[in-house]
Amino acid sequence: MTEKDQLILDFIKAYVRLHGVAPSYAVIARGVHKQSKSNIHRVIHKLIAEGKLVMKPHKARSIRVIDKSVKAVAAL
């Protein structure tokens, strides 16, 4: 995972904790000081492919962070 990917993932986690809903691509772009929402889209879908996020298709603000630490503890 690149530094930019981690920054976006951390931003999403913090935003959800503060606001109770997932941020839009525009909010994420402003939050990580990027101009392009298309770059945010690309990173989001990369994180989904890596299993770090899930998102309902065609549903606004449906990004959820996957917490694998609970599964790791449960497996012990």
PDB file of N, CA and C in Angstrom:
ATOM      1  N   MET A   1       0.846  -1.175   0.000  1.00  0.00           N
ATOM      2  CA  MET A   1       0.000   0.000   0.000  1.00  0.00           C
ATOM      3  C   MET A   1       0.887   1.230   0.000  1.00  0.00           C
ATOM      4  N   THR A   2       0.555   2.154  -0.872  1.00  0.00           N
ATOM      5  CA  THR A   2       1.352   3.373  -0.955  1.00  0.00           C
ATOM      6  C   THR A   2       0.965   4.343   0.163  1.00  0.00           C
ATOM      7  N   GLU A   3       1.776   5.357   0.317  1.00  0.00           N
ATOM      8  CA  GLU A   3       1.515   6.381   1.335  1.00  0.00           C
ATOM      9  C   GLU A   3       0.194   7.102   1.044  1.00  0.00           C
ATOM     10  N   LYS A   4      -0.082   7.357  -0.241  1.00  0.00           N
ATOM     11  CA  LYS A   4      -1.327   8.027  -0.624  1.00  0.00           C
ATOM     12  C   LYS A   4      -2.536   7.138  -0.315  1.00  0.00           C
ATOM     13  N   ASP A   5      -2.418   5.836  -0.593  1.00  0.00           N
ATOM     14  CA  ASP A   5      -3.499   4.898  -0.285  1.00  0.00           C
ATOM     15  C   ASP A   5      -3.794   4.900   1.214  1.00  0.00           C
ATOM     16  N   GLN A   6      -2.743   4.853   2.023  1.00  0.00           N
ATOM     17  CA  GLN A   6      -2.909   4.843   3.480  1.00  0.00           C
ATOM     18  C   GLN A   6      -3.528   6.142   3.967  1.00  0.00           C
ATOM     19  N   LEU A   7      -3.126   7.256   3.369  1.00  0.00           N
ATOM     20  CA  LEU A   7      -3.680   8.555   3.747  1.00  0.00           C
ATOM     21  C   LEU A   7      -5.182   8.597   3.484  1.00  0.00           C
ATOM     22  N   ILE A   8      -5.594   8.097   2.337  1.00  0.00           N
ATOM     23  CA  ILE A   8      -7.019   8.087   1.991  1.00  0.00           C
ATOM     24  C   ILE A   8      -7.789   7.150   2.907  1.00  0.00           C
ATOM     25  N   LEU A   9      -7.246   5.972   3.186  1.00  0.00           N
ATOM     26  CA  LEU A   9      -7.897   5.027   4.099  1.00  0.00           C
ATOM     27  C   LEU A   9      -8.034   5.628   5.498  1.00  0.00           C
ATOM     28  N   ASP A  10      -6.989   6.256   5.992  1.00  0.00           N
ATOM     29  CA  ASP A  10      -7.036   6.900   7.313  1.00  0.00           C
ATOM     30  C   ASP A  10      -8.049   8.045   7.335  1.00  0.00           C
ATOM     31  N   PHE A  11      -8.121   8.810   6.243  1.00  0.00           N
ATOM     32  CA  PHE A  11      -9.087   9.903   6.168  1.00  0.00           C
ATOM     33  C   PHE A  11     -10.514   9.362   6.241  1.00  0.00           C
ATOM     34  N   ILE A  12     -10.778   8.293   5.509  1.00  0.00           N
ATOM     35  CA  ILE A  12     -12.121   7.700   5.520  1.00  0.00           C
ATOM     36  C   ILE A  12     -12.477   7.219   6.929  1.00  0.00           C
ATOM     37  N   LYS A  13     -11.553   6.530   7.586  1.00  0.00           N
ATOM     38  CA  LYS A  13     -11.798   6.043   8.948  1.00  0.00           C
ATOM     39  C   LYS A  13     -12.124   7.205   9.888  1.00  0.00           C
ATOM     40  N   ALA A  14     -11.325   8.257   9.834  1.00  0.00           N
ATOM     41  CA  ALA A  14     -11.523   9.410  10.720  1.00  0.00           C
ATOM     42  C   ALA A  14     -12.842  10.114  10.410  1.00  0.00           C
ATOM     43  N   TYR A  15     -13.168  10.272   9.137  1.00  0.00           N
ATOM     44  CA  TYR A  15     -14.396  10.960   8.745  1.00  0.00           C
ATOM     45  C   TYR A  15     -15.625  10.201   9.237  1.00  0.00           C
ATOM     46  N   VAL A  16     -15.606   8.889   9.075  1.00  0.00           N
ATOM     47  CA  VAL A  16     -16.741   8.073   9.529  1.00  0.00           C
ATOM     48  C   VAL A  16     -16.882   8.167  11.044  1.00  0.00           C
ATOM     49  N   ARG A  17     -15.750   8.134  11.767  1.00  0.00           N
ATOM     50  CA  ARG A  17     -15.804   8.268  13.226  1.00  0.00           C
ATOM     51  C   ARG A  17     -16.408   9.604  13.647  1.00  0.00           C
ATOM     52  N   LEU A  18     -16.047  10.684  12.963  1.00  0.00           N
ATOM     53  CA  LEU A  18     -16.524  12.017  13.320  1.00  0.00           C
ATOM     54  C   LEU A  18     -17.963  12.294  12.882  1.00  0.00           C
ATOM     55  N   HIS A  19     -18.329  11.826  11.684  1.00  0.00           N
ATOM     56  CA  HIS A  19     -19.602  12.222  11.094  1.00  0.00           C
ATOM     57  C   HIS A  19     -20.639  11.109  11.034  1.00  0.00           C
ATOM     58  N   GLY A  20     -20.234   9.874  11.201  1.00  0.00           N
ATOM     59  CA  GLY A  20     -21.179   8.762  11.176  1.00  0.00           C
ATOM     60  C   GLY A  20     -21.598   8.297   9.795  1.00  0.00           C
ATOM     61  N   VAL A  21     -21.114   8.939   8.762  1.00  0.00           N
ATOM     62  CA  VAL A  21     -21.384   8.542   7.377  1.00  0.00           C
ATOM     63  C   VAL A  21     -20.073   8.583   6.599  1.00  0.00           C
ATOM     64  N   ALA A  22     -20.055   7.867   5.501  1.00  0.00           N
ATOM     65  CA  ALA A  22     -18.854   7.858   4.663  1.00  0.00           C
ATOM     66  C   ALA A  22     -18.740   9.170   3.897  1.00  0.00           C
ATOM     67  N   PRO A  23     -17.524   9.614   3.614  1.00  0.00           N
ATOM     68  CA  PRO A  23     -17.329  10.842   2.838  1.00  0.00           C
ATOM     69  C   PRO A  23     -17.564  10.605   1.345  1.00  0.00           C
ATOM     70  N   SER A  24     -17.923  11.646   0.640  1.00  0.00           N
ATOM     71  CA  SER A  24     -18.026  11.570  -0.822  1.00  0.00           C
ATOM     72  C   SER A  24     -16.617  11.663  -1.409  1.00  0.00           C
ATOM     73  N   TYR A  25     -16.492  11.373  -2.693  1.00  0.00           N
ATOM     74  CA  TYR A  25     -15.189  11.495  -3.353  1.00  0.00           C
ATOM     75  C   TYR A  25     -14.678  12.926  -3.277  1.00  0.00           C
ATOM     76  N   ALA A  26     -15.576  13.897  -3.421  1.00  0.00           N
ATOM     77  CA  ALA A  26     -15.172  15.304  -3.366  1.00  0.00           C
ATOM     78  C   ALA A  26     -14.637  15.670  -1.984  1.00  0.00           C
ATOM     79  N   VAL A  27     -15.284  15.179  -0.941  1.00  0.00           N
ATOM     80  CA  VAL A  27     -14.833  15.451   0.428  1.00  0.00           C
ATOM     81  C   VAL A  27     -13.477  14.800   0.676  1.00  0.00           C
ATOM     82  N   ILE A  28     -13.305  13.582   0.192  1.00  0.00           N
ATOM     83  CA  ILE A  28     -12.014  12.903   0.350  1.00  0.00           C
ATOM     84  C   ILE A  28     -10.929  13.685  -0.374  1.00  0.00           C
ATOM     85  N   ALA A  29     -11.207  14.110  -1.604  1.00  0.00           N
ATOM     86  CA  ALA A  29     -10.223  14.867  -2.386  1.00  0.00           C
ATOM     87  C   ALA A  29      -9.794  16.132  -1.654  1.00  0.00           C
ATOM     88  N   ARG A  30     -10.767  16.882  -1.109  1.00  0.00           N
ATOM     89  CA  ARG A  30     -10.427  18.091  -0.348  1.00  0.00           C
ATOM     90  C   ARG A  30      -9.656  17.733   0.918  1.00  0.00           C
ATOM     91  N   GLY A  31     -10.047  16.655   1.576  1.00  0.00           N
ATOM     92  CA  GLY A  31      -9.416  16.264   2.836  1.00  0.00           C
ATOM     93  C   GLY A  31      -7.965  15.847   2.701  1.00  0.00           C
ATOM     94  N   VAL A  32      -7.614  15.272   1.555  1.00  0.00           N
ATOM     95  CA  VAL A  32      -6.225  14.840   1.342  1.00  0.00           C
ATOM     96  C   VAL A  32      -5.485  15.760   0.383  1.00  0.00           C
ATOM     97  N   HIS A  33      -6.085  16.933   0.115  1.00  0.00           N
ATOM     98  CA  HIS A  33      -5.466  17.991  -0.704  1.00  0.00           C
ATOM     99  C   HIS A  33      -5.130  17.523  -2.118  1.00  0.00           C
ATOM    100  N   LYS A  34      -6.106  16.864  -2.743  1.00  0.00           N
ATOM    101  CA  LYS A  34      -5.971  16.463  -4.143  1.00  0.00           C
ATOM    102  C   LYS A  34      -7.017  17.186  -4.960  1.00  0.00           C
ATOM    103  N   GLN A  35      -6.737  17.436  -6.214  1.00  0.00           N
ATOM    104  CA  GLN A  35      -7.657  18.156  -7.092  1.00  0.00           C
ATOM    105  C   GLN A  35      -8.652  17.211  -7.771  1.00  0.00           C
ATOM    106  N   SER A  36      -8.203  16.006  -8.100  1.00  0.00           N
ATOM    107  CA  SER A  36      -8.971  15.136  -8.972  1.00  0.00           C
ATOM    108  C   SER A  36      -9.761  14.075  -8.205  1.00  0.00           C
ATOM    109  N   LYS A  37     -11.081  14.048  -8.444  1.00  0.00           N
ATOM    110  CA  LYS A  37     -11.905  12.997  -7.853  1.00  0.00           C
ATOM    111  C   LYS A  37     -11.651  11.663  -8.548  1.00  0.00           C
ATOM    112  N   SER A  38     -11.183  11.695  -9.794  1.00  0.00           N
ATOM    113  CA  SER A  38     -10.930  10.446 -10.511  1.00  0.00           C
ATOM    114  C   SER A  38      -9.776   9.675  -9.868  1.00  0.00           C
ATOM    115  N   ASN A  39      -8.774  10.384  -9.344  1.00  0.00           N
ATOM    116  CA  ASN A  39      -7.694   9.702  -8.631  1.00  0.00           C
ATOM    117  C   ASN A  39      -8.213   9.070  -7.350  1.00  0.00           C
ATOM    118  N   ILE A  40      -9.141   9.746  -6.670  1.00  0.00           N
ATOM    119  CA  ILE A  40      -9.743   9.191  -5.463  1.00  0.00           C
ATOM    120  C   ILE A  40     -10.523   7.934  -5.826  1.00  0.00           C
ATOM    121  N   HIS A  41     -11.281   7.992  -6.911  1.00  0.00           N
ATOM    122  CA  HIS A  41     -12.044   6.839  -7.399  1.00  0.00           C
ATOM    123  C   HIS A  41     -11.116   5.642  -7.637  1.00  0.00           C
ATOM    124  N   ARG A  42      -9.998   5.898  -8.296  1.00  0.00           N
ATOM    125  CA  ARG A  42      -9.044   4.827  -8.607  1.00  0.00           C
ATOM    126  C   ARG A  42      -8.498   4.192  -7.329  1.00  0.00           C
ATOM    127  N   VAL A  43      -8.113   5.014  -6.351  1.00  0.00           N
ATOM    128  CA  VAL A  43      -7.554   4.505  -5.091  1.00  0.00           C
ATOM    129  C   VAL A  43      -8.619   3.744  -4.310  1.00  0.00           C
ATOM    130  N   ILE A  44      -9.849   4.262  -4.274  1.00  0.00           N
ATOM    131  CA  ILE A  44     -10.942   3.593  -3.561  1.00  0.00           C
ATOM    132  C   ILE A  44     -11.144   2.195  -4.128  1.00  0.00           C
ATOM    133  N   HIS A  45     -11.192   2.078  -5.450  1.00  0.00           N
ATOM    134  CA  HIS A  45     -11.413   0.773  -6.065  1.00  0.00           C
ATOM    135  C   HIS A  45     -10.208  -0.147  -5.892  1.00  0.00           C
ATOM    136  N   LYS A  46      -9.031   0.400  -5.794  1.00  0.00           N
ATOM    137  CA  LYS A  46      -7.848  -0.408  -5.484  1.00  0.00           C
ATOM    138  C   LYS A  46      -7.962  -0.960  -4.061  1.00  0.00           C
ATOM    139  N   LEU A  47      -8.400  -0.128  -3.115  1.00  0.00           N
ATOM    140  CA  LEU A  47      -8.559  -0.569  -1.726  1.00  0.00           C
ATOM    141  C   LEU A  47      -9.683  -1.597  -1.596  1.00  0.00           C
ATOM    142  N   ILE A  48     -10.715  -1.473  -2.423  1.00  0.00           N
ATOM    143  CA  ILE A  48     -11.779  -2.481  -2.444  1.00  0.00           C
ATOM    144  C   ILE A  48     -11.222  -3.810  -2.933  1.00  0.00           C
ATOM    145  N   ALA A  49     -10.426  -3.768  -3.993  1.00  0.00           N
ATOM    146  CA  ALA A  49      -9.823  -4.993  -4.537  1.00  0.00           C
ATOM    147  C   ALA A  49      -8.884  -5.655  -3.532  1.00  0.00           C
ATOM    148  N   GLU A  50      -8.230  -4.851  -2.689  1.00  0.00           N
ATOM    149  CA  GLU A  50      -7.327  -5.384  -1.668  1.00  0.00           C
ATOM    150  C   GLU A  50      -8.077  -5.871  -0.429  1.00  0.00           C
ATOM    151  N   GLY A  51      -9.386  -5.646  -0.372  1.00  0.00           N
ATOM    152  CA  GLY A  51     -10.183  -6.102   0.749  1.00  0.00           C
ATOM    153  C   GLY A  51     -10.158  -5.187   1.957  1.00  0.00           C
ATOM    154  N   LYS A  52      -9.747  -3.953   1.768  1.00  0.00           N
ATOM    155  CA  LYS A  52      -9.684  -3.004   2.878  1.00  0.00           C
ATOM    156  C   LYS A  52     -10.964  -2.176   2.997  1.00  0.00           C
ATOM    157  N   LEU A  53     -11.727  -2.086   1.901  1.00  0.00           N
ATOM    158  CA  LEU A  53     -12.988  -1.355   1.881  1.00  0.00           C
ATOM    159  C   LEU A  53     -14.043  -2.192   1.174  1.00  0.00           C
ATOM    160  N   VAL A  54     -15.307  -1.901   1.460  1.00  0.00           N
ATOM    161  CA  VAL A  54     -16.417  -2.428   0.667  1.00  0.00           C
ATOM    162  C   VAL A  54     -17.318  -1.248   0.334  1.00  0.00           C
ATOM    163  N   MET A  55     -18.061  -1.396  -0.768  1.00  0.00           N
ATOM    164  CA  MET A  55     -18.939  -0.321  -1.200  1.00  0.00           C
ATOM    165  C   MET A  55     -20.104  -0.929  -1.969  1.00  0.00           C
ATOM    166  N   LYS A  56     -21.315  -0.430  -1.718  1.00  0.00           N
ATOM    167  CA  LYS A  56     -22.476  -0.872  -2.476  1.00  0.00           C
ATOM    168  C   LYS A  56     -22.483  -0.153  -3.814  1.00  0.00           C
ATOM    169  N   PRO A  57     -22.616  -0.888  -4.917  1.00  0.00           N
ATOM    170  CA  PRO A  57     -22.614  -0.243  -6.229  1.00  0.00           C
ATOM    171  C   PRO A  57     -23.790   0.714  -6.395  1.00  0.00           C
ATOM    172  N   HIS A  58     -23.550   1.832  -7.035  1.00  0.00           N
ATOM    173  CA  HIS A  58     -24.560   2.835  -7.361  1.00  0.00           C
ATOM    174  C   HIS A  58     -25.251   3.402  -6.117  1.00  0.00           C
ATOM    175  N   LYS A  59     -24.577   3.410  -5.002  1.00  0.00           N
ATOM    176  CA  LYS A  59     -25.137   3.933  -3.749  1.00  0.00           C
ATOM    177  C   LYS A  59     -24.180   4.988  -3.219  1.00  0.00           C
ATOM    178  N   ALA A  60     -24.656   6.205  -3.041  1.00  0.00           N
ATOM    179  CA  ALA A  60     -23.812   7.298  -2.565  1.00  0.00           C
ATOM    180  C   ALA A  60     -23.403   7.074  -1.113  1.00  0.00           C
ATOM    181  N   ARG A  61     -22.181   7.429  -0.797  1.00  0.00           N
ATOM    182  CA  ARG A  61     -21.649   7.379   0.573  1.00  0.00           C
ATOM    183  C   ARG A  61     -21.812   6.007   1.228  1.00  0.00           C
ATOM    184  N   SER A  62     -21.542   4.956   0.476  1.00  0.00           N
ATOM    185  CA  SER A  62     -21.712   3.601   1.002  1.00  0.00           C
ATOM    186  C   SER A  62     -20.387   2.913   1.317  1.00  0.00           C
ATOM    187  N   ILE A  63     -19.295   3.658   1.374  1.00  0.00           N
ATOM    188  CA  ILE A  63     -17.980   3.079   1.651  1.00  0.00           C
ATOM    189  C   ILE A  63     -17.932   2.630   3.110  1.00  0.00           C
ATOM    190  N   ARG A  64     -17.465   1.406   3.331  1.00  0.00           N
ATOM    191  CA  ARG A  64     -17.244   0.909   4.692  1.00  0.00           C
ATOM    192  C   ARG A  64     -15.838   0.341   4.789  1.00  0.00           C
ATOM    193  N   VAL A  65     -15.191   0.585   5.910  1.00  0.00           N
ATOM    194  CA  VAL A  65     -13.849   0.075   6.153  1.00  0.00           C
ATOM    195  C   VAL A  65     -13.981  -1.324   6.747  1.00  0.00           C
ATOM    196  N   ILE A  66     -13.172  -2.256   6.240  1.00  0.00           N
ATOM    197  CA  ILE A  66     -13.163  -3.620   6.744  1.00  0.00           C
ATOM    198  C   ILE A  66     -12.106  -3.712   7.838  1.00  0.00           C
ATOM    199  N   ASP A  67     -12.517  -4.117   9.023  1.00  0.00           N
ATOM    200  CA  ASP A  67     -11.600  -4.255  10.150  1.00  0.00           C
ATOM    201  C   ASP A  67     -11.232  -5.726  10.311  1.00  0.00           C
ATOM    202  N   LYS A  68     -10.073  -6.100   9.807  1.00  0.00           N
ATOM    203  CA  LYS A  68      -9.640  -7.494   9.866  1.00  0.00           C
ATOM    204  C   LYS A  68      -9.052  -7.863  11.215  1.00  0.00           C
ATOM    205  N   SER A  69      -8.802  -6.878  12.080  1.00  0.00           N
ATOM    206  CA  SER A  69      -8.214  -7.185  13.381  1.00  0.00           C
ATOM    207  C   SER A  69      -9.162  -8.027  14.234  1.00  0.00           C
ATOM    208  N   VAL A  70     -10.468  -7.820  14.103  1.00  0.00           N
ATOM    209  CA  VAL A  70     -11.439  -8.609  14.849  1.00  0.00           C
ATOM    210  C   VAL A  70     -11.407 -10.053  14.392  1.00  0.00           C
ATOM    211  N   LYS A  71     -11.313 -10.278  13.084  1.00  0.00           N
ATOM    212  CA  LYS A  71     -11.243 -11.644  12.555  1.00  0.00           C
ATOM    213  C   LYS A  71      -9.958 -12.334  13.007  1.00  0.00           C
ATOM    214  N   ALA A  72      -8.855 -11.583  13.070  1.00  0.00           N
ATOM    215  CA  ALA A  72      -7.582 -12.162  13.494  1.00  0.00           C
ATOM    216  C   ALA A  72      -7.639 -12.580  14.951  1.00  0.00           C
ATOM    217  N   VAL A  73      -8.250 -11.772  15.803  1.00  0.00           N
ATOM    218  CA  VAL A  73      -8.371 -12.099  17.218  1.00  0.00           C
ATOM    219  C   VAL A  73      -9.316 -13.278  17.402  1.00  0.00           C
ATOM    220  N   ALA A  74     -10.406 -13.324  16.638  1.00  0.00           N
ATOM    221  CA  ALA A  74     -11.375 -14.403  16.746  1.00  0.00           C
ATOM    222  C   ALA A  74     -10.769 -15.733  16.310  1.00  0.00           C
ATOM    223  N   ALA A  75      -9.815 -15.675  15.386  1.00  0.00           N
ATOM    224  CA  ALA A  75      -9.172 -16.898  14.892  1.00  0.00           C
ATOM    225  C   ALA A  75      -8.222 -17.512  15.910  1.00  0.00           C
ATOM    226  N   LEU A  76      -7.816 -16.747  16.925  1.00  0.00           N
ATOM    227  CA  LEU A  76      -6.929 -17.285  17.945  1.00  0.00           C
ATOM    228  C   LEU A  76      -7.693 -18.191  18.819  1.00  0.00           C
TER     229      LEU A  76
END
